[in-house]
Protein backbone atom coordinates (compact mmCIF):
# COMPACT_ATOMS: atom_id res chain seq x y z
CA UNK A 1 1.08 -16.49 -0.93
CA UNK A 2 4.62 -15.95 -2.13
CA UNK A 3 6.85 -13.04 -1.34
CA UNK A 4 9.73 -11.92 -3.65
CA UNK A 5 12.24 -9.09 -3.24
CA UNK A 6 14.48 -7.69 -6.10
CA UNK A 7 17.25 -5.92 -4.31
CA UNK A 8 18.44 -4.12 -7.55
CA UNK A 9 15.12 -2.73 -8.27
CA UNK A 10 14.15 -2.48 -4.45
CA UNK A 11 10.76 -3.87 -5.20
CA UNK A 12 8.84 -6.21 -2.78
CA UNK A 13 6.31 -8.34 -4.60
CA UNK A 14 3.43 -10.26 -2.86
CA UNK A 15 2.07 -12.89 -5.18
CA UNK A 16 -1.42 -13.74 -3.94
CA UNK A 17 -2.45 -16.23 -6.59
CA UNK A 18 -0.72 -17.95 -9.38
CA UNK A 19 -3.06 -16.67 -12.03
CA UNK A 20 -1.58 -14.47 -14.77
CA UNK A 21 -2.21 -10.86 -14.38
CA UNK A 22 -4.35 -9.21 -17.21
CA UNK A 23 -4.57 -5.69 -15.68
CA UNK A 24 -2.77 -3.47 -13.23
CA UNK A 25 -3.41 -0.34 -11.39
CA UNK A 26 -0.77 2.05 -9.87
CA UNK A 27 -1.86 3.43 -6.56
CA UNK A 28 -0.35 6.65 -5.12
CA UNK A 29 2.96 6.20 -3.49
CA UNK A 30 4.41 3.46 -5.60
CA UNK A 31 1.92 0.48 -5.15
CA UNK A 32 0.92 -1.44 -8.02
CA UNK A 33 -1.93 -3.94 -7.81
CA UNK A 34 -2.23 -6.62 -10.59
CA UNK A 35 -5.55 -8.19 -11.31
CA UNK A 36 -6.54 -11.54 -12.96
CA UNK A 37 -9.28 -12.14 -15.41
CA UNK A 38 -11.85 -12.42 -12.61
CA UNK A 39 -10.87 -8.74 -11.62
CA UNK A 40 -9.47 -10.09 -8.22
CA UNK A 41 -6.04 -9.00 -7.11
CA UNK A 42 -3.39 -11.57 -8.06
CA UNK A 43 -0.27 -9.54 -6.79
CA UNK A 44 0.74 -6.36 -5.06
CA UNK A 45 4.04 -4.69 -5.85
CA UNK A 46 5.69 -2.05 -3.44
CA UNK A 47 8.33 0.11 -5.24
CA UNK A 48 11.12 1.63 -3.17
CA UNK A 49 10.48 -1.15 -0.60
CA UNK A 50 13.68 -0.45 1.63
CA UNK A 51 12.96 3.27 1.77
CA UNK A 52 9.51 2.43 3.05
CA UNK A 53 11.09 0.13 5.76
CA UNK A 54 9.04 -2.75 4.37
CA UNK A 55 12.15 -4.87 3.93
CA UNK A 56 15.87 -4.48 4.80
CA UNK A 57 18.30 -5.53 2.07
CA UNK A 58 19.95 -8.65 2.99
CA UNK A 59 17.03 -9.59 5.21
CA UNK A 60 16.17 -13.44 4.94
CA UNK A 61 12.88 -13.36 6.36
CA UNK A 62 9.77 -11.17 6.37
CA UNK A 63 7.14 -11.19 9.08
CA UNK A 64 3.60 -10.67 8.08
CA UNK A 65 0.96 -9.54 10.42
CA UNK A 66 -2.63 -10.46 9.61
CA UNK A 67 -5.97 -9.64 11.26
CA UNK A 68 -5.82 -7.41 14.26
CA UNK A 69 -5.12 -8.17 17.95
CA UNK A 70 -7.62 -6.92 20.44
CA UNK A 71 -6.66 -7.33 23.94
């Protein structure tokens, strides 16, 4: 997975696969999911990323949390 942030557009992009997108669906709240020919997601785009506290402008790293922790 690759992560890109465009500070001018305030868009956080998660690239899940290198396949070119052929379709996209905008979810409520400013989330755009792009799909490949196999109809599987290839990227997820978050609009207004800093307003959502997904990223801080100037931040050089992003922490991703996967799975769930069960103590």
